[in-house]
Protein backbone atom coordinates (compact mmCIF):
# COMPACT_ATOMS: atom_id res chain seq x y z
CA MET A 1 -11.82 -16.80 -11.53
CA ASN A 2 -12.18 -19.17 -14.45
CA VAL A 3 -12.33 -22.94 -14.00
CA CYS A 4 -8.68 -23.47 -14.97
CA ALA A 5 -7.51 -20.83 -12.52
CA LYS A 6 -9.59 -22.42 -9.74
CA ARG A 7 -8.10 -25.83 -10.50
CA LEU A 8 -4.59 -24.39 -10.53
CA TRP A 9 -5.15 -22.71 -7.17
CA ALA A 10 -6.65 -25.85 -5.66
CA ALA A 11 -3.78 -27.95 -7.00
CA LEU A 12 -1.19 -25.59 -5.52
CA VAL A 13 -2.88 -25.71 -2.14
CA CYS A 14 -3.22 -29.49 -2.21
CA LEU A 15 0.43 -29.95 -3.18
CA GLY A 16 1.57 -27.67 -0.40
CA LEU A 17 2.95 -25.09 -2.80
CA PHE A 18 0.90 -22.34 -1.25
CA SER A 19 1.00 -23.41 2.34
CA ILE A 20 2.85 -21.58 5.07
CA GLY A 21 6.41 -22.82 5.35
CA LEU A 22 6.21 -25.39 2.53
CA HIS A 23 6.96 -23.35 -0.55
CA ALA A 24 10.51 -22.18 -1.10
CA GLN A 25 11.13 -18.47 -1.35
CA GLN A 26 11.30 -17.59 -5.04
CA GLY A 27 13.73 -14.85 -5.93
CA ALA A 28 13.29 -12.89 -2.68
CA GLN A 29 16.35 -11.17 -1.28
CA VAL A 30 16.78 -9.29 1.95
CA LEU A 31 17.70 -5.65 1.37
CA THR A 32 18.33 -4.66 4.98
CA GLN A 33 20.25 -6.58 7.60
CA ASP A 34 20.50 -4.97 11.00
CA GLU A 35 18.93 -5.49 14.39
CA SER A 36 15.98 -3.13 14.09
CA THR A 37 12.42 -3.96 13.06
CA LYS A 38 11.10 -2.63 9.73
CA LEU A 39 7.43 -2.36 8.70
CA GLN A 40 5.16 -1.06 5.93
CA SER A 41 7.62 -1.23 3.02
CA TRP A 42 6.46 0.72 -0.07
CA ILE A 43 8.39 0.60 -3.37
CA SER A 44 8.33 3.30 -6.03
CA GLN A 45 7.00 2.17 -9.40
CA ASP A 46 10.45 2.46 -10.96
CA GLY A 47 11.72 -0.02 -8.37
CA VAL A 48 14.56 2.20 -7.16
CA PHE A 49 13.33 3.60 -3.83
CA ILE A 50 11.63 1.98 -0.85
CA ALA A 51 10.05 3.96 1.98
CA TYR A 52 9.45 2.09 5.22
CA VAL A 53 8.85 2.49 8.94
CA GLY A 54 11.96 1.71 10.95
CA ASP A 55 13.28 1.89 14.49
CA LYS A 56 15.66 4.74 15.29
CA ALA A 57 16.77 2.91 18.43
CA GLU A 58 18.16 -0.16 16.60
CA ASN A 59 17.23 -2.08 19.71
CA GLN A 60 18.15 -5.66 18.85
CA CYS A 61 14.89 -6.60 17.14
CA ALA A 62 12.66 -5.57 20.03
CA PRO A 63 9.08 -4.63 19.10
CA LEU A 64 8.80 -1.13 17.71
CA GLU A 65 7.93 1.46 20.34
CA LEU A 66 5.59 4.11 18.93
CA GLN A 67 7.92 6.96 19.81
CA ASP A 68 10.77 5.23 17.95
CA GLN A 69 8.90 4.76 14.65
CA GLU A 70 10.58 6.88 11.98
CA ILE A 71 10.36 7.05 8.17
CA PHE A 72 13.34 5.73 6.20
CA LEU A 73 14.14 5.79 2.48
CA LEU A 74 16.21 3.04 0.89
CA ASP A 75 17.94 3.47 -2.49
CA VAL A 76 18.17 -0.14 -3.67
CA VAL A 77 20.54 0.65 -6.55
CA ASN A 78 23.16 2.52 -4.55
CA HIS A 79 22.49 0.58 -1.32
CA GLU A 80 22.01 3.80 0.64
CA THR A 81 19.54 4.35 3.48
CA GLN A 82 18.41 7.75 4.68
CA ARG A 83 16.37 8.45 7.81
CA LEU A 84 13.87 11.14 6.90
CA THR A 85 12.27 11.87 10.28
CA THR A 86 13.62 12.30 13.78
CA ASN A 87 11.23 12.98 16.67
CA GLU A 88 9.60 11.43 19.72
CA VAL A 89 6.22 10.60 18.14
CA GLN A 90 4.89 7.91 15.84
CA ASP A 91 5.47 8.24 12.07
CA THR A 92 3.65 5.69 9.94
CA ASP A 93 2.02 4.82 6.58
CA PRO A 94 4.73 5.99 4.12
CA SER A 95 4.32 6.07 0.34
CA VAL A 96 6.92 7.29 -2.17
CA SER A 97 6.78 8.87 -5.62
CA VAL A 98 8.84 7.75 -8.63
CA GLY A 99 12.42 8.91 -8.30
CA GLY A 100 12.17 8.94 -4.51
CA GLU A 101 11.67 12.71 -4.51
CA LEU A 102 8.64 12.92 -2.22
CA VAL A 103 7.41 10.73 0.63
CA ALA A 104 3.95 11.10 2.20
CA PHE A 105 3.30 9.72 5.69
CA SER A 106 1.13 10.11 8.82
CA ARG A 107 2.32 11.41 12.16
CA GLU A 108 0.64 11.17 15.54
CA LEU A 109 0.74 14.72 16.88
CA GLU A 110 -0.85 13.71 20.17
CA ALA A 111 -2.80 10.70 21.42
CA GLY A 112 -5.37 9.75 18.79
CA THR A 113 -4.60 12.75 16.57
CA PHE A 114 -2.77 12.10 13.28
CA ALA A 115 -1.87 14.48 10.47
CA VAL A 116 -0.47 13.84 6.96
CA PHE A 117 3.01 15.15 6.19
CA LEU A 118 5.12 15.38 3.05
CA TYR A 119 8.90 15.02 3.05
CA ASP A 120 10.88 16.64 0.23
CA VAL A 121 14.02 14.50 -0.05
CA ALA A 122 16.09 16.95 -2.10
CA ALA A 123 15.28 19.90 0.17
CA GLU A 124 15.57 17.71 3.27
CA ARG A 125 12.52 19.18 4.89
CA GLU A 126 8.96 18.24 5.75
CA ARG A 127 5.66 20.06 5.90
CA GLN A 128 2.13 19.24 7.00
CA LEU A 129 -0.44 18.68 4.26
CA SER A 130 -3.65 17.91 6.13
CA GLY A 131 -5.68 20.50 7.99
CA LEU A 132 -6.55 20.25 11.66
CA GLU A 133 -10.19 21.26 11.49
CA ALA A 134 -12.75 18.68 12.60
CA VAL A 135 -14.59 17.63 9.48
CA GLN A 136 -17.20 15.24 10.85
CA THR A 137 -20.12 16.12 13.06
CA GLY A 138 -19.37 14.99 16.60
CA SER A 139 -15.75 14.02 15.85
CA ALA A 140 -13.72 13.74 19.03
CA THR A 141 -10.32 13.44 17.33
CA ILE A 142 -8.67 14.77 14.22
CA SER A 143 -7.04 11.82 12.48
CA ALA A 144 -5.61 11.98 8.98
CA LEU A 145 -4.45 8.50 7.99
CA HIS A 146 -3.44 6.21 5.14
CA PRO A 147 -1.93 8.78 2.75
CA MET A 148 -1.04 7.67 -0.78
CA ILE A 149 1.04 9.85 -3.08
CA SER A 150 0.51 9.76 -6.84
CA VAL A 151 3.26 8.20 -8.94
CA ASP A 152 4.39 11.58 -10.25
CA GLY A 153 4.21 13.13 -6.80
CA SER A 154 1.66 15.78 -7.76
CA ALA A 155 -1.14 14.77 -5.38
CA VAL A 156 -1.75 13.01 -2.08
CA VAL A 157 -5.01 11.36 -1.04
CA TYR A 158 -5.85 10.40 2.54
CA GLU A 159 -8.72 9.76 4.93
CA GLN A 160 -9.55 12.20 7.72
CA ASN A 161 -12.25 11.52 10.29
CA GLY A 162 -14.20 9.33 7.90
CA ASP A 163 -13.94 11.47 4.76
CA ILE A 164 -11.65 11.22 1.72
CA PHE A 165 -9.40 14.19 1.05
CA ILE A 166 -7.03 15.05 -1.79
CA THR A 167 -4.41 17.77 -1.92
CA GLY A 168 -1.70 18.91 -4.30
CA THR A 169 1.94 18.94 -3.30
CA VAL A 170 3.06 22.22 -4.93
CA GLU A 171 3.77 24.44 -1.96
CA THR A 172 3.65 27.79 -3.78
CA ASP A 173 0.22 27.21 -5.33
CA GLU A 174 -2.49 28.61 -3.04
CA SER A 175 -5.06 26.43 -4.79
CA GLN A 176 -3.41 23.30 -3.40
CA GLU A 177 -5.52 23.19 -0.25
CA PRO A 178 -7.02 19.89 0.94
CA VAL A 179 -10.36 19.15 -0.73
CA ASN A 180 -12.99 17.00 0.98
CA LEU A 181 -14.22 14.70 -1.80
CA THR A 182 -16.93 12.86 0.13
CA ASN A 183 -17.99 15.20 2.98
CA SER A 184 -20.29 12.64 4.54
CA PRO A 185 -21.09 13.10 8.26
CA ASN A 186 -21.69 9.87 10.18
CA VAL A 187 -20.37 7.73 7.28
CA GLN A 188 -17.02 5.96 7.32
CA ASP A 189 -15.03 6.49 4.09
CA GLN A 190 -11.57 4.97 4.26
CA PHE A 191 -8.52 3.35 2.60
CA PRO A 192 -8.25 5.64 -0.46
CA ALA A 193 -5.98 4.70 -3.37
CA LEU A 194 -4.93 6.80 -6.36
CA SER A 195 -4.50 6.07 -10.04
CA GLU A 196 -1.08 6.89 -11.49
CA ASP A 197 -1.88 10.47 -12.48
CA GLY A 198 -3.93 11.15 -9.37
CA GLY A 199 -7.10 11.55 -11.43
CA GLN A 200 -9.15 8.68 -9.96
CA ILE A 201 -9.59 7.54 -6.37
CA VAL A 202 -11.05 4.30 -5.05
CA PHE A 203 -12.11 3.87 -1.43
CA SER A 204 -14.34 1.74 0.77
CA SER A 205 -17.42 3.19 2.40
CA SER A 206 -20.50 2.29 4.38
CA GLY A 207 -22.39 5.15 2.75
CA ASP A 208 -25.53 4.86 0.65
CA TYR A 209 -24.47 7.59 -1.76
CA LEU A 210 -26.28 6.29 -4.82
CA GLY A 211 -29.23 4.47 -3.27
CA ALA A 212 -27.58 1.08 -3.74
CA ASN A 213 -26.20 0.35 -0.26
CA ALA A 214 -29.24 0.34 2.00
CA THR A 215 -27.70 -2.20 4.39
CA GLY A 216 -24.75 0.10 5.12
CA ASP A 217 -22.04 -2.52 4.73
CA GLU A 218 -18.64 -1.61 3.29
CA GLU A 219 -18.64 -1.29 -0.50
CA ILE A 220 -16.03 -0.12 -3.01
CA PHE A 221 -16.55 3.30 -4.56
CA MET A 222 -14.67 5.34 -7.14
CA ILE A 223 -14.59 9.10 -7.61
CA SER A 224 -12.62 11.54 -9.72
CA ALA A 225 -10.06 13.86 -8.15
CA LEU A 226 -12.42 16.72 -8.99
CA GLY A 227 -15.08 15.21 -6.73
CA ASN A 228 -17.46 14.16 -9.52
CA ASN A 229 -18.38 10.93 -11.34
CA LEU A 230 -18.96 8.97 -8.14
CA ARG A 231 -19.84 5.32 -8.78
CA GLN A 232 -20.32 2.22 -6.68
CA LEU A 233 -18.29 -0.74 -7.95
CA THR A 234 -19.53 -3.52 -5.64
CA HIS A 235 -23.05 -4.44 -4.57
CA ASN A 236 -23.52 -7.06 -1.86
CA GLU A 237 -24.21 -7.47 1.84
CA VAL A 238 -20.69 -8.31 3.03
CA ALA A 239 -17.64 -6.16 3.79
CA ASP A 240 -15.45 -5.03 0.87
CA ALA A 241 -12.29 -3.18 1.89
CA HIS A 242 -8.72 -2.10 1.10
CA PRO A 243 -9.13 -1.32 -2.62
CA TRP A 244 -6.25 -0.67 -5.02
CA ILE A 245 -6.50 0.82 -8.51
CA SER A 246 -4.26 0.14 -11.52
CA ALA A 247 -2.27 3.02 -12.98
CA ASP A 248 -4.60 3.42 -15.93
CA GLY A 249 -7.64 3.37 -13.64
CA ALA A 250 -9.17 0.38 -15.42
CA MET A 251 -8.93 -2.36 -12.78
CA VAL A 252 -9.60 -2.41 -9.03
CA ALA A 253 -8.50 -5.07 -6.54
CA PHE A 254 -10.01 -5.39 -3.07
CA GLU A 255 -10.58 -7.88 -0.26
CA ARG A 256 -13.96 -9.31 0.68
CA ALA A 257 -15.20 -11.27 3.68
CA VAL A 258 -17.05 -14.32 2.35
CA ALA A 259 -18.59 -17.43 3.85
CA GLY A 260 -16.23 -20.42 3.85
CA PRO A 261 -16.64 -24.09 4.82
CA ALA A 262 -14.99 -23.45 8.19
CA GLY A 263 -16.50 -20.02 8.77
CA PRO A 264 -15.88 -16.50 7.43
CA GLN A 265 -12.81 -16.03 5.25
CA VAL A 266 -11.27 -13.22 3.22
CA ASP A 267 -10.51 -13.48 -0.51
CA VAL A 268 -8.99 -11.10 -3.05
CA PHE A 269 -11.37 -9.91 -5.77
CA LEU A 270 -10.96 -7.93 -8.99
CA VAL A 271 -13.53 -5.71 -10.69
CA PRO A 272 -13.33 -3.36 -13.69
CA SER A 273 -13.52 0.27 -12.62
CA SER A 274 -16.33 0.80 -15.11
CA GLY A 275 -18.54 -1.17 -12.74
CA THR A 276 -20.05 -3.01 -15.69
CA GLY A 277 -17.84 -6.11 -15.74
CA PHE A 278 -17.98 -9.28 -13.69
CA GLU A 279 -16.22 -9.57 -10.34
CA THR A 280 -13.50 -12.21 -10.15
CA ASN A 281 -12.60 -14.09 -6.97
CA LEU A 282 -8.87 -14.37 -7.62
CA THR A 283 -7.84 -16.46 -4.63
CA ASN A 284 -10.97 -18.43 -3.69
CA SER A 285 -9.19 -20.42 -0.99
CA SER A 286 -11.07 -22.20 1.78
CA THR A 287 -8.05 -22.68 4.06
CA MET A 288 -6.53 -19.19 4.36
CA ASP A 289 -7.28 -15.47 4.23
CA GLU A 290 -5.83 -13.07 1.68
CA HIS A 291 -5.55 -9.38 2.59
CA PHE A 292 -4.37 -5.99 1.31
CA PRO A 293 -4.12 -6.58 -2.45
CA THR A 294 -2.03 -4.23 -4.59
CA LEU A 295 -1.76 -4.04 -8.38
CA SER A 296 0.96 -3.46 -10.95
CA ALA A 297 0.61 -0.39 -13.15
CA ASP A 298 -1.21 -2.22 -15.93
CA GLY A 299 -3.30 -4.30 -13.51
CA SER A 300 -1.87 -7.58 -14.79
CA VAL A 301 -0.20 -8.66 -11.51
CA VAL A 302 -1.74 -8.78 -8.04
CA ALA A 303 0.23 -9.04 -4.79
CA PHE A 304 -1.30 -9.75 -1.40
CA GLU A 305 -0.77 -10.93 2.17
CA VAL A 306 -1.67 -14.56 2.91
CA GLN A 307 -2.79 -15.27 6.47
CA VAL A 308 -3.17 -18.68 8.07
CA GLY A 309 -3.97 -18.50 11.75
CA ASP A 310 -1.61 -16.01 13.39
CA THR A 311 1.07 -16.03 10.67
CA VAL A 312 1.37 -14.52 7.20
CA GLN A 313 3.37 -14.88 4.03
CA TYR A 314 3.34 -12.81 0.83
CA ALA A 315 2.45 -13.80 -2.71
CA LYS A 316 1.78 -12.45 -6.17
CA MET A 317 0.08 -13.85 -9.24
CA LYS A 318 -1.28 -12.90 -12.64
CA ARG A 319 -4.78 -11.54 -12.53
CA ASP A 320 -6.00 -14.52 -14.58
CA GLY A 321 -5.01 -16.80 -11.68
CA THR A 322 -1.78 -18.13 -13.20
CA GLU A 323 1.91 -17.82 -12.24
CA LEU A 324 1.36 -17.91 -8.49
CA VAL A 325 4.59 -17.17 -6.59
CA THR A 326 5.07 -17.32 -2.83
CA LEU A 327 7.64 -14.66 -2.05
CA SER A 328 8.44 -15.20 1.63
CA SER A 329 9.53 -18.48 3.14
CA THR A 330 9.51 -17.42 6.80
CA PRO A 331 6.10 -16.86 8.38
CA SER A 332 5.65 -13.46 10.04
CA SER A 333 2.99 -11.87 12.22
CA PRO A 334 0.19 -10.04 10.37
CA LEU A 335 0.19 -6.30 9.72
CA ASP A 336 -2.98 -4.24 9.83
CA ARG A 337 -2.43 -2.20 6.66
CA VAL A 338 -0.83 -2.34 3.20
CA SER A 339 2.09 -4.71 3.60
CA ILE A 340 3.27 -5.54 0.06
CA THR A 341 3.64 -3.27 -2.99
CA LEU A 342 4.69 -3.84 -6.60
CA THR A 343 6.90 -2.13 -9.12
CA GLY A 344 5.09 -0.68 -12.12
CA ASP A 345 5.75 -3.71 -14.30
CA GLY A 346 4.78 -6.17 -11.57
CA ALA A 347 8.12 -7.98 -11.89
CA SER A 348 9.19 -7.21 -8.33
CA ALA A 349 7.47 -6.75 -4.99
CA VAL A 350 8.69 -5.38 -1.69
CA PHE A 351 7.46 -6.45 1.74
CA SER A 352 8.55 -6.58 5.37
CA SER A 353 9.03 -10.12 6.59
CA LEU A 354 10.80 -12.05 9.30
CA ASN A 355 14.49 -12.66 8.68
CA GLY A 356 15.18 -15.94 10.39
CA SER A 357 18.88 -15.30 10.91
CA LEU A 358 18.24 -11.96 12.64
CA GLY A 359 14.94 -12.74 14.30
CA CYS A 360 13.10 -9.58 13.26
CA ARG A 361 11.37 -8.07 10.25
CA GLN A 362 13.57 -6.75 7.46
CA VAL A 363 12.83 -5.34 3.99
CA PHE A 364 12.68 -8.00 1.26
CA LEU A 365 12.53 -7.69 -2.51
CA GLY A 366 10.78 -10.45 -4.42
CA GLY A 367 12.26 -10.24 -7.92
CA GLU A 368 15.22 -8.53 -9.52
CA LEU A 369 16.86 -5.23 -8.69
CA PRO A 370 16.04 -2.54 -11.28
CA ASN A 371 18.38 -2.21 -14.23
CA VAL A 372 19.25 1.48 -14.09
CA ALA A 373 21.70 3.08 -16.51
CA PRO A 374 24.85 4.32 -14.73
CA LEU A 375 25.41 8.05 -14.33
CA ALA A 376 28.82 9.10 -15.61
CA ASN A 377 30.73 11.70 -13.61
CA GLY A 378 33.83 13.10 -15.24
CA GLY A 379 34.61 15.53 -12.41
CA GLY A 380 34.90 19.29 -12.63
CA ASP A 381 35.94 21.36 -15.64
CA GLN A 382 39.61 21.13 -16.58
CA THR A 383 41.99 23.05 -18.82
CA VAL A 384 44.80 21.05 -20.45
CA ALA A 385 47.50 21.75 -23.01
CA VAL A 386 46.98 20.20 -26.44
């Protein structure tokens, strides 16, 4: 972060403009209003569809029971909500392609065993993408988690038992079997994220793949979807986690645990994917933690979760440290995974936050609804006399 950006951030904190409960919600609107909790909102890059975890029981804002967690899809233009899954197990971690055609998610098949599924919205059916074979030496469970679908819906990346996998989504192509990109027994590779075309993947790992991580702490790595061109983007002795890559693959955001004046804290960092540029501490705050950064398509806007004590809010800012906006005015409890995502242009963000009037988490949009051209429908063919 440059000096001006640091001064801006410090000034905002000192003035209370980036403190929990003190900064008015800017342009955020609630998109759902019912008495059921909603988590893990994920917006498509065109800003039209939002996948989220909801409660099929609609149980008056009670905490979500695992067996009631289902995947929902919200069309923000037509104000239509569709429940995609119906079962008695936990569905979680949804991500949606442009156009809302495909939704990837994880499902707990039995205790401690998750698999990745794909829901085809038009066909109204789901199928399992991840395999069930144990892929790590000594693995006791088979857990495929944190799937992310590419923008065009052609590929899904996920972690399974400490390795990073990628698979295509074309059902009729026999070559679209899951591919283990890291295949590293006794090493934890996790939190994969895809570039727009699915060609590049970033992830965090404790592995010493290139002889530059002898201490075995979490570092940020990048690899191609073909399993080659592996490179290590960060080099330090602290934990780097939850990376996110811009659509063009040029910029990577991640969170890092750093030493602060009052003890360990978490900041959001940026680094070029080339691995040759300087890291930037974007938030550099001594009074709060910033988690789970996500990027706009061009990497110009960063959104993240802001945690102070046991409460969180959501914010976004330009990657040069300017135009900081606090999106949620009501503090919520923290989530343990991606909790805010951006449209492709970075103009809008979606997140799940506490709705004070209802008393439970709803889906919020920070920004404007997408401006989509109307679709004319003149009805069926007609024959008339001239």
